[in-house]
């Protein structure tokens, strides 16, 4: 005669807690992304800027994982974090001027 809502309410509470945790994780990684992105343009040292760029790109990959797009997250890590940061590292290493040695 009376409906038993105990099972459905427990499922609803479990979903609500999961959604709260996902929202907190999303907000945390969004702050990391914005903070690292601001650091990339505000920091003067190119090495620190490259590390912050890596942090921003990794946190974007975490957003892809949260969207259940694991392949896109893997490509983000391989192409951008792996490729672009290595390219920046080699460009900085190859274009740095060597200190001149005075011959006496």
PDB file of N, CA and C in Angstrom:
ATOM      1  N   UNK A   1       0.808  -1.178   0.000  1.00  0.00           N
ATOM      2  CA  UNK A   1       0.000   0.000   0.000  1.00  0.00           C
ATOM      3  C   UNK A   1       0.865   1.262   0.000  1.00  0.00           C
ATOM      4  N   UNK A   2       1.890   1.304   0.843  1.00  0.00           N
ATOM      5  CA  UNK A   2       2.781   2.451   0.865  1.00  0.00           C
ATOM      6  C   UNK A   2       4.029   2.120   0.048  1.00  0.00           C
ATOM      7  N   UNK A   3       4.511   3.084  -0.675  1.00  0.00           N
ATOM      8  CA  UNK A   3       5.700   2.877  -1.500  1.00  0.00           C
ATOM      9  C   UNK A   3       6.945   2.921  -0.624  1.00  0.00           C
ATOM     10  N   UNK A   4       7.904   2.074  -0.973  1.00  0.00           N
ATOM     11  CA  UNK A   4       9.161   2.027  -0.224  1.00  0.00           C
ATOM     12  C   UNK A   4      10.192   2.888  -0.959  1.00  0.00           C
ATOM     13  N   UNK A   5      10.471   4.061  -0.420  1.00  0.00           N
ATOM     14  CA  UNK A   5      11.412   4.980  -1.052  1.00  0.00           C
ATOM     15  C   UNK A   5      12.804   4.902  -0.442  1.00  0.00           C
ATOM     16  N   UNK A   6      13.039   3.949   0.427  1.00  0.00           N
ATOM     17  CA  UNK A   6      14.324   3.903   1.125  1.00  0.00           C
ATOM     18  C   UNK A   6      15.470   3.606   0.165  1.00  0.00           C
ATOM     19  N   UNK A   7      15.262   2.711  -0.792  1.00  0.00           N
ATOM     20  CA  UNK A   7      16.338   2.382  -1.731  1.00  0.00           C
ATOM     21  C   UNK A   7      16.601   3.542  -2.679  1.00  0.00           C
ATOM     22  N   UNK A   8      15.553   4.153  -3.160  1.00  0.00           N
ATOM     23  CA  UNK A   8      15.754   5.247  -4.106  1.00  0.00           C
ATOM     24  C   UNK A   8      16.355   6.471  -3.420  1.00  0.00           C
ATOM     25  N   UNK A   9      16.000   6.715  -2.169  1.00  0.00           N
ATOM     26  CA  UNK A   9      16.571   7.875  -1.489  1.00  0.00           C
ATOM     27  C   UNK A   9      18.051   7.664  -1.189  1.00  0.00           C
ATOM     28  N   UNK A  10      18.459   6.428  -0.885  1.00  0.00           N
ATOM     29  CA  UNK A  10      19.885   6.167  -0.666  1.00  0.00           C
ATOM     30  C   UNK A  10      20.663   6.362  -1.959  1.00  0.00           C
ATOM     31  N   UNK A  11      20.098   5.915  -3.060  1.00  0.00           N
ATOM     32  CA  UNK A  11      20.755   6.124  -4.351  1.00  0.00           C
ATOM     33  C   UNK A  11      20.859   7.597  -4.693  1.00  0.00           C
ATOM     34  N   UNK A  12      19.813   8.337  -4.369  1.00  0.00           N
ATOM     35  CA  UNK A  12      19.828   9.773  -4.630  1.00  0.00           C
ATOM     36  C   UNK A  12      20.886  10.471  -3.793  1.00  0.00           C
ATOM     37  N   UNK A  13      21.001  10.079  -2.521  1.00  0.00           N
ATOM     38  CA  UNK A  13      22.020  10.691  -1.663  1.00  0.00           C
ATOM     39  C   UNK A  13      23.419  10.346  -2.138  1.00  0.00           C
ATOM     40  N   UNK A  14      23.612   9.119  -2.609  1.00  0.00           N
ATOM     41  CA  UNK A  14      24.922   8.730  -3.121  1.00  0.00           C
ATOM     42  C   UNK A  14      25.265   9.550  -4.359  1.00  0.00           C
ATOM     43  N   UNK A  15      24.286   9.749  -5.248  1.00  0.00           N
ATOM     44  CA  UNK A  15      24.520  10.565  -6.435  1.00  0.00           C
ATOM     45  C   UNK A  15      24.812  12.007  -6.052  1.00  0.00           C
ATOM     46  N   UNK A  16      24.122  12.523  -5.063  1.00  0.00           N
ATOM     47  CA  UNK A  16      24.334  13.900  -4.636  1.00  0.00           C
ATOM     48  C   UNK A  16      25.742  14.089  -4.083  1.00  0.00           C
ATOM     49  N   UNK A  17      26.218  13.145  -3.279  1.00  0.00           N
ATOM     50  CA  UNK A  17      27.583  13.241  -2.754  1.00  0.00           C
ATOM     51  C   UNK A  17      28.601  13.145  -3.881  1.00  0.00           C
ATOM     52  N   UNK A  18      28.358  12.277  -4.846  1.00  0.00           N
ATOM     53  CA  UNK A  18      29.271  12.151  -5.978  1.00  0.00           C
ATOM     54  C   UNK A  18      29.314  13.446  -6.771  1.00  0.00           C
ATOM     55  N   UNK A  19      28.156  14.053  -6.978  1.00  0.00           N
ATOM     56  CA  UNK A  19      28.121  15.306  -7.723  1.00  0.00           C
ATOM     57  C   UNK A  19      28.841  16.417  -6.971  1.00  0.00           C
ATOM     58  N   UNK A  20      28.749  16.424  -5.661  1.00  0.00           N
ATOM     59  CA  UNK A  20      29.448  17.437  -4.868  1.00  0.00           C
ATOM     60  C   UNK A  20      30.955  17.252  -5.002  1.00  0.00           C
ATOM     61  N   UNK A  21      31.422  16.006  -4.927  1.00  0.00           N
ATOM     62  CA  UNK A  21      32.857  15.745  -5.069  1.00  0.00           C
ATOM     63  C   UNK A  21      33.346  16.112  -6.465  1.00  0.00           C
ATOM     64  N   UNK A  22      32.558  15.810  -7.482  1.00  0.00           N
ATOM     65  CA  UNK A  22      32.945  16.170  -8.842  1.00  0.00           C
ATOM     66  C   UNK A  22      32.994  17.683  -9.020  1.00  0.00           C
ATOM     67  N   UNK A  23      32.066  18.378  -8.421  1.00  0.00           N
ATOM     68  CA  UNK A  23      32.050  19.838  -8.513  1.00  0.00           C
ATOM     69  C   UNK A  23      33.257  20.442  -7.810  1.00  0.00           C
ATOM     70  N   UNK A  24      33.605  19.903  -6.657  1.00  0.00           N
ATOM     71  CA  UNK A  24      34.784  20.389  -5.934  1.00  0.00           C
ATOM     72  C   UNK A  24      36.052  20.108  -6.734  1.00  0.00           C
ATOM     73  N   UNK A  25      36.155  18.908  -7.310  1.00  0.00           N
ATOM     74  CA  UNK A  25      37.328  18.570  -8.119  1.00  0.00           C
ATOM     75  C   UNK A  25      37.407  19.459  -9.352  1.00  0.00           C
ATOM     76  N   UNK A  26      36.264  19.702  -9.992  1.00  0.00           N
ATOM     77  CA  UNK A  26      36.250  20.581 -11.161  1.00  0.00           C
ATOM     78  C   UNK A  26      36.711  21.984 -10.792  1.00  0.00           C
ATOM     79  N   UNK A  27      36.188  22.517  -9.697  1.00  0.00           N
ATOM     80  CA  UNK A  27      36.567  23.865  -9.271  1.00  0.00           C
ATOM     81  C   UNK A  27      38.048  23.934  -8.910  1.00  0.00           C
ATOM     82  N   UNK A  28      38.556  22.905  -8.253  1.00  0.00           N
ATOM     83  CA  UNK A  28      39.967  22.877  -7.879  1.00  0.00           C
ATOM     84  C   UNK A  28      40.863  22.881  -9.114  1.00  0.00           C
ATOM     85  N   UNK A  29      40.562  22.011 -10.076  1.00  0.00           N
ATOM     86  CA  UNK A  29      41.400  21.960 -11.270  1.00  0.00           C
ATOM     87  C   UNK A  29      41.181  23.168 -12.175  1.00  0.00           C
ATOM     88  N   UNK A  30      40.011  23.789 -12.118  1.00  0.00           N
ATOM     89  CA  UNK A  30      39.809  25.036 -12.852  1.00  0.00           C
ATOM     90  C   UNK A  30      40.689  26.140 -12.273  1.00  0.00           C
ATOM     91  N   UNK A  31      40.782  26.197 -10.944  1.00  0.00           N
ATOM     92  CA  UNK A  31      41.672  27.177 -10.312  1.00  0.00           C
ATOM     93  C   UNK A  31      43.132  26.907 -10.651  1.00  0.00           C
ATOM     94  N   UNK A  32      43.509  25.629 -10.691  1.00  0.00           N
ATOM     95  CA  UNK A  32      44.886  25.278 -11.071  1.00  0.00           C
ATOM     96  C   UNK A  32      45.159  25.711 -12.506  1.00  0.00           C
ATOM     97  N   UNK A  33      44.203  25.470 -13.396  1.00  0.00           N
ATOM     98  CA  UNK A  33      44.374  25.854 -14.795  1.00  0.00           C
ATOM     99  C   UNK A  33      44.525  27.363 -14.940  1.00  0.00           C
ATOM    100  N   UNK A  34      43.652  28.109 -14.301  1.00  0.00           N
ATOM    101  CA  UNK A  34      43.712  29.572 -14.403  1.00  0.00           C
ATOM    102  C   UNK A  34      44.977  30.108 -13.742  1.00  0.00           C
ATOM    103  N   UNK A  35      45.335  29.572 -12.585  1.00  0.00           N
ATOM    104  CA  UNK A  35      46.542  30.024 -11.898  1.00  0.00           C
ATOM    105  C   UNK A  35      47.806  29.755 -12.692  1.00  0.00           C
ATOM    106  N   UNK A  36      47.908  28.551 -13.229  1.00  0.00           N
ATOM    107  CA  UNK A  36      49.089  28.228 -14.040  1.00  0.00           C
ATOM    108  C   UNK A  36      49.120  29.054 -15.320  1.00  0.00           C
ATOM    109  N   UNK A  37      47.963  29.283 -15.922  1.00  0.00           N
ATOM    110  CA  UNK A  37      47.920  30.082 -17.147  1.00  0.00           C
ATOM    111  C   UNK A  37      48.336  31.524 -16.883  1.00  0.00           C
ATOM    112  N   UNK A  38      47.895  32.075 -15.773  1.00  0.00           N
ATOM    113  CA  UNK A  38      48.344  33.423 -15.413  1.00  0.00           C
ATOM    114  C   UNK A  38      49.841  33.442 -15.119  1.00  0.00           C
ATOM    115  N   UNK A  39      50.325  32.391 -14.481  1.00  0.00           N
ATOM    116  CA  UNK A  39      51.746  32.302 -14.199  1.00  0.00           C
ATOM    117  C   UNK A  39      52.589  32.241 -15.458  1.00  0.00           C
ATOM    118  N   UNK A  40      52.065  31.600 -16.500  1.00  0.00           N
ATOM    119  CA  UNK A  40      52.808  31.493 -17.765  1.00  0.00           C
ATOM    120  C   UNK A  40      53.094  32.873 -18.333  1.00  0.00           C
ATOM    121  N   UNK A  41      52.129  33.758 -18.298  1.00  0.00           N
ATOM    122  CA  UNK A  41      52.327  35.078 -18.901  1.00  0.00           C
ATOM    123  C   UNK A  41      52.958  36.088 -17.947  1.00  0.00           C
ATOM    124  N   UNK A  42      52.918  35.839 -16.647  1.00  0.00           N
ATOM    125  CA  UNK A  42      53.450  36.813 -15.693  1.00  0.00           C
ATOM    126  C   UNK A  42      54.877  36.524 -15.235  1.00  0.00           C
ATOM    127  N   UNK A  43      55.322  35.279 -15.348  1.00  0.00           N
ATOM    128  CA  UNK A  43      56.661  34.910 -14.887  1.00  0.00           C
ATOM    129  C   UNK A  43      57.685  35.324 -15.939  1.00  0.00           C
ATOM    130  N   UNK A  44      58.823  35.827 -15.482  1.00  0.00           N
ATOM    131  CA  UNK A  44      59.847  36.284 -16.418  1.00  0.00           C
ATOM    132  C   UNK A  44      60.786  35.172 -16.885  1.00  0.00           C
ATOM    133  N   UNK A  45      61.004  34.168 -16.072  1.00  0.00           N
ATOM    134  CA  UNK A  45      61.929  33.095 -16.427  1.00  0.00           C
ATOM    135  C   UNK A  45      61.238  32.095 -17.349  1.00  0.00           C
ATOM    136  N   UNK A  46      61.880  31.781 -18.476  1.00  0.00           N
ATOM    137  CA  UNK A  46      61.264  30.905 -19.470  1.00  0.00           C
ATOM    138  C   UNK A  46      61.105  29.482 -18.949  1.00  0.00           C
ATOM    139  N   UNK A  47      62.015  29.024 -18.096  1.00  0.00           N
ATOM    140  CA  UNK A  47      61.904  27.666 -17.553  1.00  0.00           C
ATOM    141  C   UNK A  47      60.700  27.545 -16.629  1.00  0.00           C
ATOM    142  N   UNK A  48      60.507  28.534 -15.782  1.00  0.00           N
ATOM    143  CA  UNK A  48      59.339  28.519 -14.902  1.00  0.00           C
ATOM    144  C   UNK A  48      58.049  28.630 -15.710  1.00  0.00           C
ATOM    145  N   UNK A  49      58.107  29.424 -16.763  1.00  0.00           N
ATOM    146  CA  UNK A  49      56.942  29.563 -17.627  1.00  0.00           C
ATOM    147  C   UNK A  49      56.603  28.239 -18.306  1.00  0.00           C
ATOM    148  N   UNK A  50      57.614  27.503 -18.732  1.00  0.00           N
ATOM    149  CA  UNK A  50      57.377  26.203 -19.363  1.00  0.00           C
ATOM    150  C   UNK A  50      56.799  25.201 -18.368  1.00  0.00           C
ATOM    151  N   UNK A  51      57.298  25.224 -17.136  1.00  0.00           N
ATOM    152  CA  UNK A  51      56.743  24.325 -16.115  1.00  0.00           C
ATOM    153  C   UNK A  51      55.290  24.664 -15.791  1.00  0.00           C
ATOM    154  N   UNK A  52      54.986  25.943 -15.703  1.00  0.00           N
ATOM    155  CA  UNK A  52      53.607  26.348 -15.449  1.00  0.00           C
ATOM    156  C   UNK A  52      52.698  25.998 -16.624  1.00  0.00           C
ATOM    157  N   UNK A  53      53.227  26.096 -17.848  1.00  0.00           N
ATOM    158  CA  UNK A  53      52.452  25.681 -19.015  1.00  0.00           C
ATOM    159  C   UNK A  53      52.149  24.193 -18.954  1.00  0.00           C
ATOM    160  N   UNK A  54      53.133  23.411 -18.516  1.00  0.00           N
ATOM    161  CA  UNK A  54      52.897  21.978 -18.341  1.00  0.00           C
ATOM    162  C   UNK A  54      51.826  21.701 -17.305  1.00  0.00           C
ATOM    163  N   UNK A  55      51.836  22.447 -16.212  1.00  0.00           N
ATOM    164  CA  UNK A  55      50.800  22.284 -15.194  1.00  0.00           C
ATOM    165  C   UNK A  55      49.422  22.644 -15.720  1.00  0.00           C
ATOM    166  N   UNK A  56      49.340  23.714 -16.504  1.00  0.00           N
ATOM    167  CA  UNK A  56      48.051  24.115 -17.073  1.00  0.00           C
ATOM    168  C   UNK A  56      47.539  23.069 -18.054  1.00  0.00           C
ATOM    169  N   UNK A  57      48.427  22.543 -18.886  1.00  0.00           N
ATOM    170  CA  UNK A  57      48.007  21.541 -19.866  1.00  0.00           C
ATOM    171  C   UNK A  57      47.626  20.227 -19.198  1.00  0.00           C
ATOM    172  N   UNK A  58      48.320  19.862 -18.136  1.00  0.00           N
ATOM    173  CA  UNK A  58      47.943  18.647 -17.404  1.00  0.00           C
ATOM    174  C   UNK A  58      46.592  18.801 -16.712  1.00  0.00           C
ATOM    175  N   UNK A  59      46.322  19.981 -16.185  1.00  0.00           N
ATOM    176  CA  UNK A  59      45.023  20.155 -15.539  1.00  0.00           C
ATOM    177  C   UNK A  59      43.890  20.179 -16.564  1.00  0.00           C
ATOM    178  N   UNK A  60      44.161  20.631 -17.779  1.00  0.00           N
ATOM    179  CA  UNK A  60      43.156  20.519 -18.844  1.00  0.00           C
ATOM    180  C   UNK A  60      42.921  19.048 -19.179  1.00  0.00           C
ATOM    181  N   UNK A  61      43.981  18.247 -19.158  1.00  0.00           N
ATOM    182  CA  UNK A  61      43.817  16.806 -19.385  1.00  0.00           C
ATOM    183  C   UNK A  61      42.959  16.171 -18.291  1.00  0.00           C
ATOM    184  N   UNK A  62      43.084  16.656 -17.064  1.00  0.00           N
ATOM    185  CA  UNK A  62      42.233  16.152 -15.977  1.00  0.00           C
ATOM    186  C   UNK A  62      40.773  16.509 -16.241  1.00  0.00           C
ATOM    187  N   UNK A  63      40.538  17.684 -16.801  1.00  0.00           N
ATOM    188  CA  UNK A  63      39.164  18.053 -17.157  1.00  0.00           C
ATOM    189  C   UNK A  63      38.604  17.092 -18.205  1.00  0.00           C
ATOM    190  N   UNK A  64      39.433  16.694 -19.168  1.00  0.00           N
ATOM    191  CA  UNK A  64      38.983  15.727 -20.171  1.00  0.00           C
ATOM    192  C   UNK A  64      38.649  14.383 -19.528  1.00  0.00           C
ATOM    193  N   UNK A  65      39.441  13.970 -18.562  1.00  0.00           N
ATOM    194  CA  UNK A  65      39.154  12.710 -17.863  1.00  0.00           C
ATOM    195  C   UNK A  65      37.834  12.824 -17.106  1.00  0.00           C
ATOM    196  N   UNK A  66      37.589  13.972 -16.496  1.00  0.00           N
ATOM    197  CA  UNK A  66      36.326  14.161 -15.782  1.00  0.00           C
ATOM    198  C   UNK A  66      35.131  14.136 -16.730  1.00  0.00           C
ATOM    199  N   UNK A  67      35.344  14.508 -17.989  1.00  0.00           N
ATOM    200  CA  UNK A  67      34.286  14.441 -18.997  1.00  0.00           C
ATOM    201  C   UNK A  67      34.183  13.060 -19.634  1.00  0.00           C
ATOM    202  N   UNK A  68      34.967  12.108 -19.138  1.00  0.00           N
ATOM    203  CA  UNK A  68      35.028  10.738 -19.639  1.00  0.00           C
ATOM    204  C   UNK A  68      35.503  10.689 -21.092  1.00  0.00           C
ATOM    205  N   UNK A  69      36.439  11.562 -21.432  1.00  0.00           N
ATOM    206  CA  UNK A  69      37.072  11.571 -22.744  1.00  0.00           C
ATOM    207  C   UNK A  69      38.538  11.197 -22.545  1.00  0.00           C
ATOM    208  N   UNK A  70      38.766   9.929 -22.214  1.00  0.00           N
ATOM    209  CA  UNK A  70      40.114   9.482 -21.854  1.00  0.00           C
ATOM    210  C   UNK A  70      41.086   9.566 -23.027  1.00  0.00           C
ATOM    211  N   UNK A  71      40.609   9.267 -24.239  1.00  0.00           N
ATOM    212  CA  UNK A  71      41.489   9.339 -25.406  1.00  0.00           C
ATOM    213  C   UNK A  71      41.951  10.769 -25.636  1.00  0.00           C
ATOM    214  N   UNK A  72      41.036  11.704 -25.512  1.00  0.00           N
ATOM    215  CA  UNK A  72      41.396  13.106 -25.680  1.00  0.00           C
ATOM    216  C   UNK A  72      42.383  13.559 -24.609  1.00  0.00           C
ATOM    217  N   UNK A  73      42.218  13.055 -23.398  1.00  0.00           N
ATOM    218  CA  UNK A  73      43.163  13.372 -22.322  1.00  0.00           C
ATOM    219  C   UNK A  73      44.540  12.802 -22.627  1.00  0.00           C
ATOM    220  N   UNK A  74      44.575  11.573 -23.142  1.00  0.00           N
ATOM    221  CA  UNK A  74      45.864  10.964 -23.492  1.00  0.00           C
ATOM    222  C   UNK A  74      46.551  11.741 -24.611  1.00  0.00           C
ATOM    223  N   UNK A  75      45.796  12.175 -25.602  1.00  0.00           N
ATOM    224  CA  UNK A  75      46.380  12.957 -26.691  1.00  0.00           C
ATOM    225  C   UNK A  75      46.835  14.326 -26.194  1.00  0.00           C
ATOM    226  N   UNK A  76      46.107  14.900 -25.264  1.00  0.00           N
ATOM    227  CA  UNK A  76      46.509  16.175 -24.660  1.00  0.00           C
ATOM    228  C   UNK A  76      47.867  16.031 -23.989  1.00  0.00           C
ATOM    229  N   UNK A  77      48.041  14.942 -23.258  1.00  0.00           N
ATOM    230  CA  UNK A  77      49.304  14.729 -22.555  1.00  0.00           C
ATOM    231  C   UNK A  77      50.423  14.426 -23.539  1.00  0.00           C
ATOM    232  N   UNK A  78      50.166  13.547 -24.502  1.00  0.00           N
ATOM    233  CA  UNK A  78      51.221  13.162 -25.441  1.00  0.00           C
ATOM    234  C   UNK A  78      51.631  14.312 -26.350  1.00  0.00           C
ATOM    235  N   UNK A  79      50.659  14.981 -26.953  1.00  0.00           N
ATOM    236  CA  UNK A  79      50.977  16.003 -27.949  1.00  0.00           C
ATOM    237  C   UNK A  79      51.406  17.304 -27.291  1.00  0.00           C
ATOM    238  N   UNK A  80      50.588  17.821 -26.397  1.00  0.00           N
ATOM    239  CA  UNK A  80      50.879  19.139 -25.855  1.00  0.00           C
ATOM    240  C   UNK A  80      51.910  19.098 -24.742  1.00  0.00           C
ATOM    241  N   UNK A  81      51.672  18.297 -23.734  1.00  0.00           N
ATOM    242  CA  UNK A  81      52.609  18.275 -22.612  1.00  0.00           C
ATOM    243  C   UNK A  81      53.936  17.686 -23.061  1.00  0.00           C
ATOM    244  N   UNK A  82      53.883  16.573 -23.773  1.00  0.00           N
ATOM    245  CA  UNK A  82      55.118  15.942 -24.229  1.00  0.00           C
ATOM    246  C   UNK A  82      55.800  16.714 -25.330  1.00  0.00           C
ATOM    247  N   UNK A  83      55.070  16.976 -26.400  1.00  0.00           N
ATOM    248  CA  UNK A  83      55.665  17.578 -27.585  1.00  0.00           C
ATOM    249  C   UNK A  83      56.002  19.044 -27.446  1.00  0.00           C
ATOM    250  N   UNK A  84      55.056  19.834 -27.049  1.00  0.00           N
ATOM    251  CA  UNK A  84      55.261  21.281 -27.003  1.00  0.00           C
ATOM    252  C   UNK A  84      56.282  21.669 -25.942  1.00  0.00           C
ATOM    253  N   UNK A  85      56.218  21.046 -24.774  1.00  0.00           N
ATOM    254  CA  UNK A  85      57.188  21.400 -23.734  1.00  0.00           C
ATOM    255  C   UNK A  85      58.602  20.956 -24.095  1.00  0.00           C
ATOM    256  N   UNK A  86      58.740  19.816 -24.751  1.00  0.00           N
ATOM    257  CA  UNK A  86      60.065  19.395 -25.218  1.00  0.00           C
ATOM    258  C   UNK A  86      60.568  20.352 -26.294  1.00  0.00           C
ATOM    259  N   UNK A  87      59.687  20.797 -27.174  1.00  0.00           N
ATOM    260  CA  UNK A  87      60.073  21.763 -28.200  1.00  0.00           C
ATOM    261  C   UNK A  87      60.537  23.075 -27.571  1.00  0.00           C
ATOM    262  N   UNK A  88      59.831  23.560 -26.571  1.00  0.00           N
ATOM    263  CA  UNK A  88      60.242  24.786 -25.876  1.00  0.00           C
ATOM    264  C   UNK A  88      61.587  24.585 -25.193  1.00  0.00           C
ATOM    265  N   UNK A  89      61.771  23.430 -24.570  1.00  0.00           N
ATOM    266  CA  UNK A  89      63.035  23.147 -23.885  1.00  0.00           C
ATOM    267  C   UNK A  89      64.201  23.137 -24.865  1.00  0.00           C
ATOM    268  N   UNK A  90      64.046  22.455 -25.999  1.00  0.00           N
ATOM    269  CA  UNK A  90      65.123  22.428 -26.988  1.00  0.00           C
ATOM    270  C   UNK A  90      65.365  23.811 -27.582  1.00  0.00           C
ATOM    271  N   UNK A  91      64.309  24.573 -27.825  1.00  0.00           N
ATOM    272  CA  UNK A  91      64.484  25.913 -28.384  1.00  0.00           C
ATOM    273  C   UNK A  91      65.264  26.804 -27.426  1.00  0.00           C
ATOM    274  N   UNK A  92      64.969  26.722 -26.154  1.00  0.00           N
ATOM    275  CA  UNK A  92      65.690  27.541 -25.173  1.00  0.00           C
ATOM    276  C   UNK A  92      67.131  27.080 -25.062  1.00  0.00           C
ATOM    277  N   UNK A  93      67.343  25.770 -25.040  1.00  0.00           N
ATOM    278  CA  UNK A  93      68.708  25.255 -24.900  1.00  0.00           C
ATOM    279  C   UNK A  93      69.566  25.595 -26.111  1.00  0.00           C
ATOM    280  N   UNK A  94      68.994  25.576 -27.302  1.00  0.00           N
ATOM    281  CA  UNK A  94      69.780  25.819 -28.505  1.00  0.00           C
ATOM    282  C   UNK A  94      69.976  27.297 -28.808  1.00  0.00           C
ATOM    283  N   UNK A  95      69.143  28.158 -28.267  1.00  0.00           N
ATOM    284  CA  UNK A  95      69.280  29.582 -28.568  1.00  0.00           C
ATOM    285  C   UNK A  95      69.959  30.377 -27.463  1.00  0.00           C
ATOM    286  N   UNK A  96      70.282  29.757 -26.358  1.00  0.00           N
ATOM    287  CA  UNK A  96      70.983  30.476 -25.281  1.00  0.00           C
ATOM    288  C   UNK A  96      72.392  30.815 -25.744  1.00  0.00           C
ATOM    289  N   UNK A  97      72.815  32.015 -25.419  1.00  0.00           N
ATOM    290  CA  UNK A  97      74.176  32.410 -25.771  1.00  0.00           C
ATOM    291  C   UNK A  97      75.134  31.912 -24.705  1.00  0.00           C
ATOM    292  N   UNK A  98      76.275  31.485 -25.144  1.00  0.00           N
ATOM    293  CA  UNK A  98      77.307  31.010 -24.230  1.00  0.00           C
ATOM    294  C   UNK A  98      78.065  32.216 -23.680  1.00  0.00           C
ATOM    295  N   UNK A  99      78.427  32.183 -22.408  1.00  0.00           N
ATOM    296  CA  UNK A  99      79.235  33.288 -21.872  1.00  0.00           C
ATOM    297  C   UNK A  99      80.610  33.287 -22.541  1.00  0.00           C
ATOM    298  N   UNK A 100      81.032  34.473 -22.908  1.00  0.00           N
ATOM    299  CA  UNK A 100      82.307  34.573 -23.612  1.00  0.00           C
ATOM    300  C   UNK A 100      83.461  34.396 -22.640  1.00  0.00           C
ATOM    301  N   UNK A 101      84.428  33.611 -23.074  1.00  0.00           N
ATOM    302  CA  UNK A 101      85.611  33.350 -22.263  1.00  0.00           C
ATOM    303  C   UNK A 101      86.714  34.282 -22.751  1.00  0.00           C
ATOM    304  N   UNK A 102      87.269  35.061 -21.835  1.00  0.00           N
ATOM    305  CA  UNK A 102      88.343  35.972 -22.225  1.00  0.00           C
ATOM    306  C   UNK A 102      89.667  35.212 -22.213  1.00  0.00           C
ATOM    307  N   UNK A 103      90.384  35.324 -23.301  1.00  0.00           N
ATOM    308  CA  UNK A 103      91.685  34.648 -23.377  1.00  0.00           C
ATOM    309  C   UNK A 103      92.772  35.631 -22.952  1.00  0.00           C
ATOM    310  N   UNK A 104      93.516  35.264 -21.937  1.00  0.00           N
ATOM    311  CA  UNK A 104      94.591  36.138 -21.450  1.00  0.00           C
ATOM    312  C   UNK A 104      95.912  35.457 -21.526  1.00  0.00           C
TER     313      UNK A 104
END
